[in-house]
Amino acid sequence: MPQTPHVERHFTAGDSVRDVVIGMSDGLTVPFALAAGLSGAVAQSHIVVTAGLAEIAAGSIAMGLGGYLAARSDADHYRSEQARERLEVRERPQDETREVLDLFRQYGLTEEEAMPVVEGLKTRPEAWVDFMMRFELGLEKPDPRRALWSAVTIGGAYVVGGMVPLLPYFFTDYAPTALLSSILATLSALMVFGYVKGRFTGVVPVRSALHTTLIGGLAAGAAFLIAKLIS
């Protein structure tokens, strides 16, 4: 009797989702705080729009640069540890052998059960290094395009998020009137963003939406109060 092939589907875009979350959440809260604070100090919407666009431009560049540098640092750290592991495999194979055996003991394997695998790794030095990088140090080989892609993703998400609270100010000349629409737009965007994030990451979408809206709303509210106090 034919059987349906077992196909496992795992979510593998965790880094990209993390970048979108970082950029979008900051983009929704920081420009909102600026716009809300200015709405209490000035009545002209064009002033809020000008300041908001300037903040979005500066914020997206700063956030993107931060993502780029973080990814580059991860890649540099991986290369440094990889070079060290290569040296140890070449010059201290006995020590590395004991470390591999210790790793297998953590999974309940005896030395006799693990030795065939260890002997196999000894004949493949690069595989041995990759094994130690992943299971001893917990490091995955970074994508060489990761730094640039992270910068673009975070910066782009920041721009998209930042335009949401700012958009109502384009359609009215009176800033305090636009503020209510900005609050509703920001909360709605947080709800939709949280729901979509939940669908991608496997979390219950409604729970993710409520959690994201609550956390983002609290952050936006705190930022708004700070901006009001300063203004």
C-alpha atoms as a PDB file:
ATOM      1  CA  MET A   1       0.000   0.000   0.000  1.00  0.00           C
ATOM      2  CA  PRO A   2       1.603   3.308  -1.050  1.00  0.00           C
ATOM      3  CA  GLN A   3       2.294   5.764   1.688  1.00  0.00           C
ATOM      4  CA  THR A   4       2.189   9.518   1.493  1.00  0.00           C
ATOM      5  CA  PRO A   5       5.757  10.853   1.705  1.00  0.00           C
ATOM      6  CA  HIS A   6       6.496  12.612   4.963  1.00  0.00           C
ATOM      7  CA  VAL A   7       7.465  16.187   4.224  1.00  0.00           C
ATOM      8  CA  GLU A   8       8.563  18.439   7.060  1.00  0.00           C
ATOM      9  CA  ARG A   9       8.021  22.138   6.636  1.00  0.00           C
ATOM     10  CA  HIS A  10      10.012  24.366   8.945  1.00  0.00           C
ATOM     11  CA  PHE A  11      10.100  28.129   9.055  1.00  0.00           C
ATOM     12  CA  THR A  12      13.609  29.171   7.982  1.00  0.00           C
ATOM     13  CA  ALA A  13      13.372  32.929   7.556  1.00  0.00           C
ATOM     14  CA  GLY A  14      13.849  33.785  11.224  1.00  0.00           C
ATOM     15  CA  ASP A  15      16.576  36.377  10.649  1.00  0.00           C
ATOM     16  CA  SER A  16      14.527  38.232   8.038  1.00  0.00           C
ATOM     17  CA  VAL A  17      11.439  38.240  10.247  1.00  0.00           C
ATOM     18  CA  ARG A  18      13.523  39.530  13.147  1.00  0.00           C
ATOM     19  CA  ASP A  19      14.809  42.369  10.953  1.00  0.00           C
ATOM     20  CA  VAL A  20      11.291  43.274   9.842  1.00  0.00           C
ATOM     21  CA  VAL A  21      10.079  43.222  13.446  1.00  0.00           C
ATOM     22  CA  ILE A  22      12.931  45.480  14.579  1.00  0.00           C
ATOM     23  CA  GLY A  23      12.447  47.971  11.751  1.00  0.00           C
ATOM     24  CA  MET A  24       8.656  47.988  11.743  1.00  0.00           C
ATOM     25  CA  SER A  25       8.189  48.243  15.505  1.00  0.00           C
ATOM     26  CA  ASP A  26      10.599  51.173  15.790  1.00  0.00           C
ATOM     27  CA  GLY A  27       9.151  52.772  12.673  1.00  0.00           C
ATOM     28  CA  LEU A  28       5.647  52.653  14.121  1.00  0.00           C
ATOM     29  CA  THR A  29       6.564  54.032  17.550  1.00  0.00           C
ATOM     30  CA  VAL A  30       9.322  56.636  17.131  1.00  0.00           C
ATOM     31  CA  PRO A  31       7.766  58.741  14.312  1.00  0.00           C
ATOM     32  CA  PHE A  32       4.412  58.470  16.096  1.00  0.00           C
ATOM     33  CA  ALA A  33       5.922  59.895  19.281  1.00  0.00           C
ATOM     34  CA  LEU A  34       7.516  62.734  17.333  1.00  0.00           C
ATOM     35  CA  ALA A  35       4.309  63.537  15.447  1.00  0.00           C
ATOM     36  CA  ALA A  36       2.197  63.329  18.589  1.00  0.00           C
ATOM     37  CA  GLY A  37       4.563  65.517  20.573  1.00  0.00           C
ATOM     38  CA  LEU A  38       4.668  68.134  17.826  1.00  0.00           C
ATOM     39  CA  SER A  39       0.874  68.039  17.523  1.00  0.00           C
ATOM     40  CA  GLY A  40       0.635  69.333  21.048  1.00  0.00           C
ATOM     41  CA  ALA A  41       3.057  72.164  20.336  1.00  0.00           C
ATOM     42  CA  VAL A  42       2.161  73.306  16.809  1.00  0.00           C
ATOM     43  CA  ALA A  43      -1.085  73.450  14.858  1.00  0.00           C
ATOM     44  CA  GLN A  44       0.323  73.254  11.312  1.00  0.00           C
ATOM     45  CA  SER A  45       0.414  69.746   9.895  1.00  0.00           C
ATOM     46  CA  HIS A  46       3.118  70.599   7.363  1.00  0.00           C
ATOM     47  CA  ILE A  47       5.574  71.172  10.212  1.00  0.00           C
ATOM     48  CA  VAL A  48       4.794  67.724  11.598  1.00  0.00           C
ATOM     49  CA  VAL A  49       5.145  66.182   8.134  1.00  0.00           C
ATOM     50  CA  THR A  50       8.502  67.858   7.498  1.00  0.00           C
ATOM     51  CA  ALA A  51       9.915  66.830  10.874  1.00  0.00           C
ATOM     52  CA  GLY A  52       8.459  63.343  10.540  1.00  0.00           C
ATOM     53  CA  LEU A  53       9.958  62.729   7.113  1.00  0.00           C
ATOM     54  CA  ALA A  54      13.338  63.950   8.329  1.00  0.00           C
ATOM     55  CA  GLU A  55      13.132  61.586  11.304  1.00  0.00           C
ATOM     56  CA  ILE A  56      12.112  58.638   9.126  1.00  0.00           C
ATOM     57  CA  ALA A  57      15.029  59.277   6.779  1.00  0.00           C
ATOM     58  CA  ALA A  58      17.535  59.562   9.617  1.00  0.00           C
ATOM     59  CA  GLY A  59      16.030  56.693  11.584  1.00  0.00           C
ATOM     60  CA  SER A  60      15.952  54.272   8.650  1.00  0.00           C
ATOM     61  CA  ILE A  61      19.597  55.006   7.824  1.00  0.00           C
ATOM     62  CA  ALA A  62      20.673  54.610  11.453  1.00  0.00           C
ATOM     63  CA  MET A  63      18.671  51.406  11.929  1.00  0.00           C
ATOM     64  CA  GLY A  64      19.889  49.957   8.642  1.00  0.00           C
ATOM     65  CA  LEU A  65      23.490  50.782   9.488  1.00  0.00           C
ATOM     66  CA  GLY A  66      23.049  49.162  12.894  1.00  0.00           C
ATOM     67  CA  GLY A  67      21.714  45.991  11.270  1.00  0.00           C
ATOM     68  CA  TYR A  68      24.601  45.960   8.787  1.00  0.00           C
ATOM     69  CA  LEU A  69      27.239  46.338  11.493  1.00  0.00           C
ATOM     70  CA  ALA A  70      25.593  43.689  13.681  1.00  0.00           C
ATOM     71  CA  ALA A  71      25.551  41.181  10.822  1.00  0.00           C
ATOM     72  CA  ARG A  72      29.154  41.975   9.916  1.00  0.00           C
ATOM     73  CA  SER A  73      30.178  41.484  13.537  1.00  0.00           C
ATOM     74  CA  ASP A  74      28.482  38.071  13.568  1.00  0.00           C
ATOM     75  CA  ALA A  75      30.319  37.095  10.372  1.00  0.00           C
ATOM     76  CA  ASP A  76      33.666  38.307  11.719  1.00  0.00           C
ATOM     77  CA  HIS A  77      33.113  36.394  14.971  1.00  0.00           C
ATOM     78  CA  TYR A  78      32.284  33.225  13.043  1.00  0.00           C
ATOM     79  CA  ARG A  79      35.414  33.489  10.896  1.00  0.00           C
ATOM     80  CA  SER A  80      37.578  34.087  13.970  1.00  0.00           C
ATOM     81  CA  GLU A  81      36.176  31.049  15.797  1.00  0.00           C
ATOM     82  CA  GLN A  82      36.414  28.945  12.644  1.00  0.00           C
ATOM     83  CA  ALA A  83      40.108  29.770  12.251  1.00  0.00           C
ATOM     84  CA  ARG A  84      40.687  28.827  15.898  1.00  0.00           C
ATOM     85  CA  GLU A  85      38.866  25.506  15.478  1.00  0.00           C
ATOM     86  CA  ARG A  86      40.878  24.692  12.333  1.00  0.00           C
ATOM     87  CA  LEU A  87      44.083  25.298  14.268  1.00  0.00           C
ATOM     88  CA  GLU A  88      42.960  23.092  17.165  1.00  0.00           C
ATOM     89  CA  VAL A  89      41.833  20.264  14.868  1.00  0.00           C
ATOM     90  CA  ARG A  90      45.220  20.351  13.141  1.00  0.00           C
ATOM     91  CA  GLU A  91      47.491  20.797  16.157  1.00  0.00           C
ATOM     92  CA  ARG A  92      45.476  19.344  19.083  1.00  0.00           C
ATOM     93  CA  PRO A  93      43.373  16.509  17.632  1.00  0.00           C
ATOM     94  CA  GLN A  94      43.350  14.555  20.890  1.00  0.00           C
ATOM     95  CA  ASP A  95      41.827  17.458  22.805  1.00  0.00           C
ATOM     96  CA  GLU A  96      39.224  17.947  20.073  1.00  0.00           C
ATOM     97  CA  THR A  97      38.444  14.220  20.139  1.00  0.00           C
ATOM     98  CA  ARG A  98      37.712  14.405  23.866  1.00  0.00           C
ATOM     99  CA  GLU A  99      35.470  17.413  23.270  1.00  0.00           C
ATOM    100  CA  VAL A 100      33.475  15.525  20.629  1.00  0.00           C
ATOM    101  CA  LEU A 101      33.078  12.554  22.948  1.00  0.00           C
ATOM    102  CA  ASP A 102      31.913  14.874  25.726  1.00  0.00           C
ATOM    103  CA  LEU A 103      29.304  16.323  23.374  1.00  0.00           C
ATOM    104  CA  PHE A 104      27.959  12.872  22.543  1.00  0.00           C
ATOM    105  CA  ARG A 105      27.890  11.919  26.230  1.00  0.00           C
ATOM    106  CA  GLN A 106      25.440  14.774  26.755  1.00  0.00           C
ATOM    107  CA  TYR A 107      23.066  12.838  24.473  1.00  0.00           C
ATOM    108  CA  GLY A 108      23.566   9.611  26.423  1.00  0.00           C
ATOM    109  CA  LEU A 109      26.000   7.912  24.038  1.00  0.00           C
ATOM    110  CA  THR A 110      28.900   5.897  25.394  1.00  0.00           C
ATOM    111  CA  GLU A 111      32.461   6.325  24.153  1.00  0.00           C
ATOM    112  CA  GLU A 112      32.221   3.033  22.262  1.00  0.00           C
ATOM    113  CA  GLU A 113      29.061   4.188  20.475  1.00  0.00           C
ATOM    114  CA  ALA A 114      30.492   7.599  19.597  1.00  0.00           C
ATOM    115  CA  MET A 115      33.985   6.534  18.462  1.00  0.00           C
ATOM    116  CA  PRO A 116      32.975   5.461  14.914  1.00  0.00           C
ATOM    117  CA  VAL A 117      31.567   8.942  14.325  1.00  0.00           C
ATOM    118  CA  VAL A 118      34.700  10.542  15.785  1.00  0.00           C
ATOM    119  CA  GLU A 119      36.925   8.416  13.549  1.00  0.00           C
ATOM    120  CA  GLY A 120      34.840   9.424  10.557  1.00  0.00           C
ATOM    121  CA  LEU A 121      35.203  13.117  11.430  1.00  0.00           C
ATOM    122  CA  LYS A 122      38.980  12.716  11.685  1.00  0.00           C
ATOM    123  CA  THR A 123      39.107  11.786   7.997  1.00  0.00           C
ATOM    124  CA  ARG A 124      37.159  14.941   7.087  1.00  0.00           C
ATOM    125  CA  PRO A 125      38.845  17.903   8.800  1.00  0.00           C
ATOM    126  CA  GLU A 126      36.485  20.542   7.390  1.00  0.00           C
ATOM    127  CA  ALA A 127      33.438  18.515   8.455  1.00  0.00           C
ATOM    128  CA  TRP A 128      35.064  18.159  11.884  1.00  0.00           C
ATOM    129  CA  VAL A 129      35.478  21.937  12.100  1.00  0.00           C
ATOM    130  CA  ASP A 130      31.868  22.502  10.999  1.00  0.00           C
ATOM    131  CA  PHE A 131      30.684  19.991  13.600  1.00  0.00           C
ATOM    132  CA  MET A 132      32.558  21.791  16.386  1.00  0.00           C
ATOM    133  CA  MET A 133      31.319  25.194  15.226  1.00  0.00           C
ATOM    134  CA  ARG A 134      27.710  24.081  15.330  1.00  0.00           C
ATOM    135  CA  PHE A 135      27.534  21.724  18.293  1.00  0.00           C
ATOM    136  CA  GLU A 136      30.309  22.993  20.570  1.00  0.00           C
ATOM    137  CA  LEU A 137      30.015  26.721  19.963  1.00  0.00           C
ATOM    138  CA  GLY A 138      26.436  26.895  18.733  1.00  0.00           C
ATOM    139  CA  LEU A 139      27.375  28.986  15.691  1.00  0.00           C
ATOM    140  CA  GLU A 140      25.759  28.680  12.259  1.00  0.00           C
ATOM    141  CA  LYS A 141      27.636  29.714   9.131  1.00  0.00           C
ATOM    142  CA  PRO A 142      26.370  33.196   8.234  1.00  0.00           C
ATOM    143  CA  ASP A 143      25.039  34.046   4.804  1.00  0.00           C
ATOM    144  CA  PRO A 144      27.615  36.317   3.067  1.00  0.00           C
ATOM    145  CA  ARG A 145      24.722  38.497   1.833  1.00  0.00           C
ATOM    146  CA  ARG A 146      23.262  38.771   5.313  1.00  0.00           C
ATOM    147  CA  ALA A 147      24.762  42.159   6.249  1.00  0.00           C
ATOM    148  CA  LEU A 148      23.466  44.041   3.204  1.00  0.00           C
ATOM    149  CA  TRP A 149      20.102  42.288   3.250  1.00  0.00           C
ATOM    150  CA  SER A 150      19.681  43.026   6.957  1.00  0.00           C
ATOM    151  CA  ALA A 151      20.406  46.717   6.404  1.00  0.00           C
ATOM    152  CA  VAL A 152      17.914  46.962   3.538  1.00  0.00           C
ATOM    153  CA  THR A 153      15.228  44.998   5.403  1.00  0.00           C
ATOM    154  CA  ILE A 154      15.472  46.946   8.659  1.00  0.00           C
ATOM    155  CA  GLY A 155      15.727  50.311   6.924  1.00  0.00           C
ATOM    156  CA  GLY A 156      12.852  49.544   4.553  1.00  0.00           C
ATOM    157  CA  ALA A 157      10.626  48.240   7.335  1.00  0.00           C
ATOM    158  CA  TYR A 158      11.359  51.384   9.344  1.00  0.00           C
ATOM    159  CA  VAL A 159      10.239  53.582   6.429  1.00  0.00           C
ATOM    160  CA  VAL A 160       7.027  51.597   5.931  1.00  0.00           C
ATOM    161  CA  GLY A 161       6.242  51.635   9.637  1.00  0.00           C
ATOM    162  CA  GLY A 162       7.107  55.302   9.998  1.00  0.00           C
ATOM    163  CA  MET A 163       4.764  56.405   7.227  1.00  0.00           C
ATOM    164  CA  VAL A 164       1.727  54.891   8.981  1.00  0.00           C
ATOM    165  CA  PRO A 165       1.432  57.390  11.885  1.00  0.00           C
ATOM    166  CA  LEU A 166       2.560  60.234   9.632  1.00  0.00           C
ATOM    167  CA  LEU A 167       0.107  59.630   6.787  1.00  0.00           C
ATOM    168  CA  PRO A 168      -2.956  61.346   8.382  1.00  0.00           C
ATOM    169  CA  TYR A 169      -1.024  64.612   8.567  1.00  0.00           C
ATOM    170  CA  PHE A 170      -0.881  64.732   4.774  1.00  0.00           C
ATOM    171  CA  PHE A 171      -4.664  65.096   4.537  1.00  0.00           C
ATOM    172  CA  THR A 172      -5.423  67.857   7.029  1.00  0.00           C
ATOM    173  CA  ASP A 173      -3.839  71.206   7.838  1.00  0.00           C
ATOM    174  CA  TYR A 174      -4.680  71.034  11.544  1.00  0.00           C
ATOM    175  CA  ALA A 175      -2.231  68.793  13.418  1.00  0.00           C
ATOM    176  CA  PRO A 176      -4.368  68.076  16.541  1.00  0.00           C
ATOM    177  CA  THR A 177      -7.133  66.726  14.274  1.00  0.00           C
ATOM    178  CA  ALA A 178      -4.708  64.393  12.528  1.00  0.00           C
ATOM    179  CA  LEU A 179      -3.434  63.078  15.864  1.00  0.00           C
ATOM    180  CA  LEU A 180      -6.528  60.939  16.543  1.00  0.00           C
ATOM    181  CA  SER A 181      -6.327  59.381  13.083  1.00  0.00           C
ATOM    182  CA  SER A 182      -2.615  58.787  13.635  1.00  0.00           C
ATOM    183  CA  ILE A 183      -3.316  56.932  16.890  1.00  0.00           C
ATOM    184  CA  LEU A 184      -5.958  54.739  15.247  1.00  0.00           C
ATOM    185  CA  ALA A 185      -3.736  54.055  12.239  1.00  0.00           C
ATOM    186  CA  THR A 186      -0.772  53.119  14.436  1.00  0.00           C
ATOM    187  CA  LEU A 187      -2.781  50.732  16.614  1.00  0.00           C
ATOM    188  CA  SER A 188      -4.417  49.163  13.555  1.00  0.00           C
ATOM    189  CA  ALA A 189      -1.035  48.703  11.885  1.00  0.00           C
ATOM    190  CA  LEU A 190       0.347  47.073  15.036  1.00  0.00           C
ATOM    191  CA  MET A 191      -2.620  44.690  15.093  1.00  0.00           C
ATOM    192  CA  VAL A 192      -2.205  43.693  11.423  1.00  0.00           C
ATOM    193  CA  PHE A 193       1.568  43.451  11.747  1.00  0.00           C
ATOM    194  CA  GLY A 194       1.283  41.200  14.797  1.00  0.00           C
ATOM    195  CA  TYR A 195      -1.248  38.956  13.064  1.00  0.00           C
ATOM    196  CA  VAL A 196       0.918  38.532   9.963  1.00  0.00           C
ATOM    197  CA  LYS A 197       3.998  37.928  12.109  1.00  0.00           C
ATOM    198  CA  GLY A 198       2.130  35.186  13.950  1.00  0.00           C
ATOM    199  CA  ARG A 199       1.193  33.487  10.684  1.00  0.00           C
ATOM    200  CA  PHE A 200       4.826  33.458   9.572  1.00  0.00           C
ATOM    201  CA  THR A 201       6.356  32.329  12.857  1.00  0.00           C
ATOM    202  CA  GLY A 202       3.786  29.685  13.823  1.00  0.00           C
ATOM    203  CA  VAL A 203       2.424  31.594  16.833  1.00  0.00           C
ATOM    204  CA  VAL A 204      -1.368  31.835  17.193  1.00  0.00           C
ATOM    205  CA  PRO A 205      -2.068  34.882  14.976  1.00  0.00           C
ATOM    206  CA  VAL A 206      -4.675  36.477  17.261  1.00  0.00           C
ATOM    207  CA  ARG A 207      -2.412  36.113  20.277  1.00  0.00           C
ATOM    208  CA  SER A 208       0.519  37.556  18.334  1.00  0.00           C
ATOM    209  CA  ALA A 209      -1.656  40.470  17.164  1.00  0.00           C
ATOM    210  CA  LEU A 210      -2.834  41.299  20.695  1.00  0.00           C
ATOM    211  CA  HIS A 211       0.668  40.927  22.126  1.00  0.00           C
ATOM    212  CA  THR A 212       2.232  43.136  19.439  1.00  0.00           C
ATOM    213  CA  THR A 213      -0.488  45.771  19.791  1.00  0.00           C
ATOM    214  CA  LEU A 214      -0.146  45.831  23.576  1.00  0.00           C
ATOM    215  CA  ILE A 215       3.651  46.080  23.580  1.00  0.00           C
ATOM    216  CA  GLY A 216       3.762  48.518  20.664  1.00  0.00           C
ATOM    217  CA  GLY A 217       0.938  50.589  22.138  1.00  0.00           C
ATOM    218  CA  LEU A 218       2.696  50.834  25.493  1.00  0.00           C
ATOM    219  CA  ALA A 219       5.955  51.816  23.788  1.00  0.00           C
ATOM    220  CA  ALA A 220       4.206  54.385  21.619  1.00  0.00           C
ATOM    221  CA  GLY A 221       2.309  55.759  24.626  1.00  0.00           C
ATOM    222  CA  ALA A 222       5.465  56.061  26.692  1.00  0.00           C
ATOM    223  CA  ALA A 223       7.256  57.766  23.807  1.00  0.00           C
ATOM    224  CA  PHE A 224       4.281  60.117  23.361  1.00  0.00           C
ATOM    225  CA  LEU A 225       4.306  61.109  27.032  1.00  0.00           C
ATOM    226  CA  ILE A 226       8.051  61.779  26.923  1.00  0.00           C
ATOM    227  CA  ALA A 227       7.646  63.870  23.785  1.00  0.00           C
ATOM    228  CA  LYS A 228       4.789  65.839  25.375  1.00  0.00           C
ATOM    229  CA  LEU A 229       6.844  66.508  28.501  1.00  0.00           C
ATOM    230  CA  ILE A 230       9.762  67.718  26.427  1.00  0.00           C
ATOM    231  CA  SER A 231       7.612  69.877  24.170  1.00  0.00           C
END
